[in-house]
């Protein structure tokens, strides 16, 4: 899925809690992609320009153009094993589960069926195995529209809940 929708899916449960919780959850929802591509994307734009006519927007970049370290960072940030270990370490340290971090795991779960073998399949069991699922590309119009429509419905539900609470005086 696209990075922005990951953030909004991550934040939807926290939208009625507090701004801080919402934005923390939003951050953790986008974290796996920021970690993997955060340095690469600005460098790519700097080197090739944002409006370069040779770049076909809407299509993934050619894999040889992507540095090898990106695959390693992607494997780290898109692994349920790594996510679980980080969550466990923080639980031991803080003595509580940081709920706003759970969108990181949701991001991985949503990427499993929405990436193909052709471009960054999700190595959700890394480093135990390189097993992955070849799903539907998230940019497929029907898939893209569907997950944004579901997201819009979830936010409508949350805002309706908030309005009902305000009317009830809670």
C-alpha atoms as a PDB file:
ATOM      1  CA  UNK A   1       0.000   0.000   0.000  1.00  0.00           C
ATOM      2  CA  UNK A   2       1.042   3.587  -0.331  1.00  0.00           C
ATOM      3  CA  UNK A   3       2.821   5.183   2.608  1.00  0.00           C
ATOM      4  CA  UNK A   4       0.139   7.787   3.395  1.00  0.00           C
ATOM      5  CA  UNK A   5      -2.671   5.252   3.677  1.00  0.00           C
ATOM      6  CA  UNK A   6      -0.503   3.195   6.039  1.00  0.00           C
ATOM      7  CA  UNK A   7      -0.289   6.222   8.300  1.00  0.00           C
ATOM      8  CA  UNK A   8      -4.022   6.831   8.228  1.00  0.00           C
ATOM      9  CA  UNK A   9      -4.817   3.138   8.826  1.00  0.00           C
ATOM     10  CA  UNK A  10      -2.417   3.266  11.755  1.00  0.00           C
ATOM     11  CA  UNK A  11      -4.064   6.341  13.215  1.00  0.00           C
ATOM     12  CA  UNK A  12      -7.733   5.471  12.730  1.00  0.00           C
ATOM     13  CA  UNK A  13      -8.104   3.715  16.090  1.00  0.00           C
ATOM     14  CA  UNK A  14      -6.407   6.612  17.890  1.00  0.00           C
ATOM     15  CA  UNK A  15      -8.154   9.510  16.131  1.00  0.00           C
ATOM     16  CA  UNK A  16     -10.598   9.963  19.027  1.00  0.00           C
ATOM     17  CA  UNK A  17      -8.012   9.423  21.756  1.00  0.00           C
ATOM     18  CA  UNK A  18      -5.598  12.367  21.482  1.00  0.00           C
ATOM     19  CA  UNK A  19      -3.646  14.224  18.813  1.00  0.00           C
ATOM     20  CA  UNK A  20      -0.415  12.889  20.259  1.00  0.00           C
ATOM     21  CA  UNK A  21      -1.612   9.274  20.098  1.00  0.00           C
ATOM     22  CA  UNK A  22      -2.988   9.764  16.586  1.00  0.00           C
ATOM     23  CA  UNK A  23       0.272  11.217  15.242  1.00  0.00           C
ATOM     24  CA  UNK A  24       2.385   8.614  17.060  1.00  0.00           C
ATOM     25  CA  UNK A  25       0.266   5.845  15.513  1.00  0.00           C
ATOM     26  CA  UNK A  26       0.419   7.589  12.127  1.00  0.00           C
ATOM     27  CA  UNK A  27       4.236   7.684  12.422  1.00  0.00           C
ATOM     28  CA  UNK A  28       4.474   3.990  13.303  1.00  0.00           C
ATOM     29  CA  UNK A  29       2.144   3.200  10.402  1.00  0.00           C
ATOM     30  CA  UNK A  30       4.547   4.816   7.937  1.00  0.00           C
ATOM     31  CA  UNK A  31       7.724   3.824   9.810  1.00  0.00           C
ATOM     32  CA  UNK A  32       8.576   0.653   7.817  1.00  0.00           C
ATOM     33  CA  UNK A  33       8.624   2.557   4.518  1.00  0.00           C
ATOM     34  CA  UNK A  34      10.339   5.623   5.996  1.00  0.00           C
ATOM     35  CA  UNK A  35      13.032   3.385   7.462  1.00  0.00           C
ATOM     36  CA  UNK A  36      13.574   1.560   4.170  1.00  0.00           C
ATOM     37  CA  UNK A  37      13.135   4.365   1.643  1.00  0.00           C
ATOM     38  CA  UNK A  38      13.473   7.559   3.692  1.00  0.00           C
ATOM     39  CA  UNK A  39      17.029   8.295   2.572  1.00  0.00           C
ATOM     40  CA  UNK A  40      16.693   6.870  -0.937  1.00  0.00           C
ATOM     41  CA  UNK A  41      13.674   8.867  -2.110  1.00  0.00           C
ATOM     42  CA  UNK A  42      15.051  12.390  -1.463  1.00  0.00           C
ATOM     43  CA  UNK A  43      18.387  11.376  -3.018  1.00  0.00           C
ATOM     44  CA  UNK A  44      16.574   9.914  -6.041  1.00  0.00           C
ATOM     45  CA  UNK A  45      14.563  13.134  -6.491  1.00  0.00           C
ATOM     46  CA  UNK A  46      17.691  15.254  -6.006  1.00  0.00           C
ATOM     47  CA  UNK A  47      19.634  13.228  -8.578  1.00  0.00           C
ATOM     48  CA  UNK A  48      16.858  12.813 -11.167  1.00  0.00           C
ATOM     49  CA  UNK A  49      14.538  15.736 -10.453  1.00  0.00           C
ATOM     50  CA  UNK A  50      10.919  15.577  -9.395  1.00  0.00           C
ATOM     51  CA  UNK A  51       9.496  16.290 -12.835  1.00  0.00           C
ATOM     52  CA  UNK A  52      12.019  14.462 -14.993  1.00  0.00           C
ATOM     53  CA  UNK A  53      10.251  13.342 -18.221  1.00  0.00           C
ATOM     54  CA  UNK A  54      12.386  10.160 -18.313  1.00  0.00           C
ATOM     55  CA  UNK A  55      10.808   8.912 -15.073  1.00  0.00           C
ATOM     56  CA  UNK A  56       7.549   7.022 -15.489  1.00  0.00           C
ATOM     57  CA  UNK A  57       5.472   7.986 -12.462  1.00  0.00           C
ATOM     58  CA  UNK A  58       2.975   5.412 -11.285  1.00  0.00           C
ATOM     59  CA  UNK A  59       5.442   2.651 -12.109  1.00  0.00           C
ATOM     60  CA  UNK A  60       7.981   1.271  -9.674  1.00  0.00           C
ATOM     61  CA  UNK A  61      11.590   2.337 -10.230  1.00  0.00           C
ATOM     62  CA  UNK A  62      13.822  -0.056 -12.098  1.00  0.00           C
ATOM     63  CA  UNK A  63      15.337  -2.391  -9.487  1.00  0.00           C
ATOM     64  CA  UNK A  64      18.989  -1.851 -10.538  1.00  0.00           C
ATOM     65  CA  UNK A  65      18.479   1.863  -9.748  1.00  0.00           C
ATOM     66  CA  UNK A  66      17.730   0.966  -6.126  1.00  0.00           C
ATOM     67  CA  UNK A  67      20.826   0.517  -3.932  1.00  0.00           C
ATOM     68  CA  UNK A  68      21.302  -2.892  -2.300  1.00  0.00           C
ATOM     69  CA  UNK A  69      21.106  -1.538   1.240  1.00  0.00           C
ATOM     70  CA  UNK A  70      17.456  -0.632   0.614  1.00  0.00           C
ATOM     71  CA  UNK A  71      16.563  -4.342   0.378  1.00  0.00           C
ATOM     72  CA  UNK A  72      18.235  -4.972   3.727  1.00  0.00           C
ATOM     73  CA  UNK A  73      16.461  -2.034   5.401  1.00  0.00           C
ATOM     74  CA  UNK A  74      13.176  -3.128   3.817  1.00  0.00           C
ATOM     75  CA  UNK A  75      13.654  -6.663   5.164  1.00  0.00           C
ATOM     76  CA  UNK A  76      14.329  -5.327   8.666  1.00  0.00           C
ATOM     77  CA  UNK A  77      11.390  -2.946   8.757  1.00  0.00           C
ATOM     78  CA  UNK A  78       8.913  -5.313   7.099  1.00  0.00           C
ATOM     79  CA  UNK A  79       9.553  -8.307   9.351  1.00  0.00           C
ATOM     80  CA  UNK A  80       6.999  -9.395  11.939  1.00  0.00           C
ATOM     81  CA  UNK A  81       9.900 -11.099  13.745  1.00  0.00           C
ATOM     82  CA  UNK A  82      11.871  -7.833  14.063  1.00  0.00           C
ATOM     83  CA  UNK A  83       8.691  -5.929  14.953  1.00  0.00           C
ATOM     84  CA  UNK A  84       7.900  -8.491  17.664  1.00  0.00           C
ATOM     85  CA  UNK A  85      11.412  -8.337  19.104  1.00  0.00           C
ATOM     86  CA  UNK A  86      11.373  -4.525  19.227  1.00  0.00           C
ATOM     87  CA  UNK A  87       7.915  -4.537  20.833  1.00  0.00           C
ATOM     88  CA  UNK A  88       9.058  -7.142  23.382  1.00  0.00           C
ATOM     89  CA  UNK A  89      12.236  -5.195  24.210  1.00  0.00           C
ATOM     90  CA  UNK A  90      10.220  -2.021  24.751  1.00  0.00           C
ATOM     91  CA  UNK A  91       7.694  -3.931  26.850  1.00  0.00           C
ATOM     92  CA  UNK A  92      10.489  -5.219  29.095  1.00  0.00           C
ATOM     93  CA  UNK A  93      11.993  -1.726  29.338  1.00  0.00           C
ATOM     94  CA  UNK A  94       8.786   0.307  29.778  1.00  0.00           C
ATOM     95  CA  UNK A  95       6.708  -2.443  31.475  1.00  0.00           C
ATOM     96  CA  UNK A  96       3.822  -1.799  29.113  1.00  0.00           C
ATOM     97  CA  UNK A  97       2.891  -2.312  25.478  1.00  0.00           C
ATOM     98  CA  UNK A  98       3.114   0.902  23.517  1.00  0.00           C
ATOM     99  CA  UNK A  99      -0.181   0.635  21.653  1.00  0.00           C
ATOM    100  CA  UNK A 100       0.699   3.399  19.200  1.00  0.00           C
ATOM    101  CA  UNK A 101       3.472   1.140  17.832  1.00  0.00           C
ATOM    102  CA  UNK A 102       1.020  -1.550  16.729  1.00  0.00           C
ATOM    103  CA  UNK A 103       0.437   0.136  13.343  1.00  0.00           C
ATOM    104  CA  UNK A 104       3.978  -0.966  12.431  1.00  0.00           C
ATOM    105  CA  UNK A 105       2.742  -4.554  12.618  1.00  0.00           C
ATOM    106  CA  UNK A 106      -0.461  -3.616  10.780  1.00  0.00           C
ATOM    107  CA  UNK A 107       1.655  -2.075   8.012  1.00  0.00           C
ATOM    108  CA  UNK A 108       3.480  -5.378   7.548  1.00  0.00           C
ATOM    109  CA  UNK A 109       0.245  -7.400   7.578  1.00  0.00           C
ATOM    110  CA  UNK A 110      -1.293  -5.088   4.972  1.00  0.00           C
ATOM    111  CA  UNK A 111       1.793  -5.244   2.753  1.00  0.00           C
ATOM    112  CA  UNK A 112       1.848  -9.059   2.638  1.00  0.00           C
ATOM    113  CA  UNK A 113      -1.082  -9.371   0.191  1.00  0.00           C
ATOM    114  CA  UNK A 114      -0.454  -6.032  -1.558  1.00  0.00           C
ATOM    115  CA  UNK A 115       3.063  -6.623  -2.920  1.00  0.00           C
ATOM    116  CA  UNK A 116       4.150  -8.972  -5.694  1.00  0.00           C
ATOM    117  CA  UNK A 117       7.300 -10.925  -6.435  1.00  0.00           C
ATOM    118  CA  UNK A 118       8.131  -8.264  -9.038  1.00  0.00           C
ATOM    119  CA  UNK A 119       8.639  -5.382  -6.605  1.00  0.00           C
ATOM    120  CA  UNK A 120       9.501  -5.594  -2.911  1.00  0.00           C
ATOM    121  CA  UNK A 121       7.621  -8.678  -1.749  1.00  0.00           C
ATOM    122  CA  UNK A 122       7.150  -8.485   2.021  1.00  0.00           C
ATOM    123  CA  UNK A 123       9.694 -10.686   3.885  1.00  0.00           C
ATOM    124  CA  UNK A 124       7.470 -10.885   6.972  1.00  0.00           C
ATOM    125  CA  UNK A 125       9.440 -13.732   8.577  1.00  0.00           C
ATOM    126  CA  UNK A 126      12.902 -12.241   8.038  1.00  0.00           C
ATOM    127  CA  UNK A 127      15.548 -13.262   9.228  1.00  0.00           C
ATOM    128  CA  UNK A 128      14.101 -16.736   9.823  1.00  0.00           C
ATOM    129  CA  UNK A 129      13.180 -17.257   6.178  1.00  0.00           C
ATOM    130  CA  UNK A 130      12.791 -15.280   2.970  1.00  0.00           C
ATOM    131  CA  UNK A 131       9.285 -16.699   2.457  1.00  0.00           C
ATOM    132  CA  UNK A 132       6.839 -14.161   1.064  1.00  0.00           C
ATOM    133  CA  UNK A 133       3.494 -14.010  -0.693  1.00  0.00           C
ATOM    134  CA  UNK A 134       3.065 -12.656  -4.202  1.00  0.00           C
ATOM    135  CA  UNK A 135      -0.142 -10.686  -3.930  1.00  0.00           C
ATOM    136  CA  UNK A 136      -1.979  -8.004  -5.878  1.00  0.00           C
ATOM    137  CA  UNK A 137       0.014  -4.844  -6.625  1.00  0.00           C
ATOM    138  CA  UNK A 138      -1.299  -2.078  -4.377  1.00  0.00           C
ATOM    139  CA  UNK A 139      -1.349   0.331  -7.324  1.00  0.00           C
ATOM    140  CA  UNK A 140      -3.970  -1.740  -9.173  1.00  0.00           C
ATOM    141  CA  UNK A 141      -6.840   0.758  -9.541  1.00  0.00           C
ATOM    142  CA  UNK A 142      -9.581  -1.437  -8.044  1.00  0.00           C
ATOM    143  CA  UNK A 143      -7.368  -2.407  -5.104  1.00  0.00           C
ATOM    144  CA  UNK A 144      -6.184   1.172  -4.562  1.00  0.00           C
ATOM    145  CA  UNK A 145      -9.733   2.572  -4.626  1.00  0.00           C
ATOM    146  CA  UNK A 146     -10.986  -0.223  -2.339  1.00  0.00           C
ATOM    147  CA  UNK A 147      -8.507   0.310   0.456  1.00  0.00           C
ATOM    148  CA  UNK A 148      -8.995   4.086   0.374  1.00  0.00           C
ATOM    149  CA  UNK A 149     -12.794   3.598   0.428  1.00  0.00           C
ATOM    150  CA  UNK A 150     -12.480   1.298   3.456  1.00  0.00           C
ATOM    151  CA  UNK A 151     -10.247   3.865   5.125  1.00  0.00           C
ATOM    152  CA  UNK A 152     -12.779   6.642   4.472  1.00  0.00           C
ATOM    153  CA  UNK A 153     -15.546   4.460   5.952  1.00  0.00           C
ATOM    154  CA  UNK A 154     -13.456   3.785   9.066  1.00  0.00           C
ATOM    155  CA  UNK A 155     -12.844   7.500   9.624  1.00  0.00           C
ATOM    156  CA  UNK A 156     -16.537   8.284   9.059  1.00  0.00           C
ATOM    157  CA  UNK A 157     -17.358   5.670  11.704  1.00  0.00           C
ATOM    158  CA  UNK A 158     -14.857   7.185  14.151  1.00  0.00           C
ATOM    159  CA  UNK A 159     -16.058  10.760  13.590  1.00  0.00           C
ATOM    160  CA  UNK A 160     -19.696   9.643  13.961  1.00  0.00           C
ATOM    161  CA  UNK A 161     -18.752   7.989  17.243  1.00  0.00           C
ATOM    162  CA  UNK A 162     -17.097  11.222  18.394  1.00  0.00           C
ATOM    163  CA  UNK A 163     -20.188  13.285  17.470  1.00  0.00           C
ATOM    164  CA  UNK A 164     -22.494  10.896  19.348  1.00  0.00           C
ATOM    165  CA  UNK A 165     -20.265  11.159  22.405  1.00  0.00           C
ATOM    166  CA  UNK A 166     -20.295  14.967  22.244  1.00  0.00           C
ATOM    167  CA  UNK A 167     -24.093  15.032  21.915  1.00  0.00           C
ATOM    168  CA  UNK A 168     -24.423  12.697  24.877  1.00  0.00           C
ATOM    169  CA  UNK A 169     -22.217  15.077  26.881  1.00  0.00           C
ATOM    170  CA  UNK A 170     -19.376  12.637  27.474  1.00  0.00           C
END
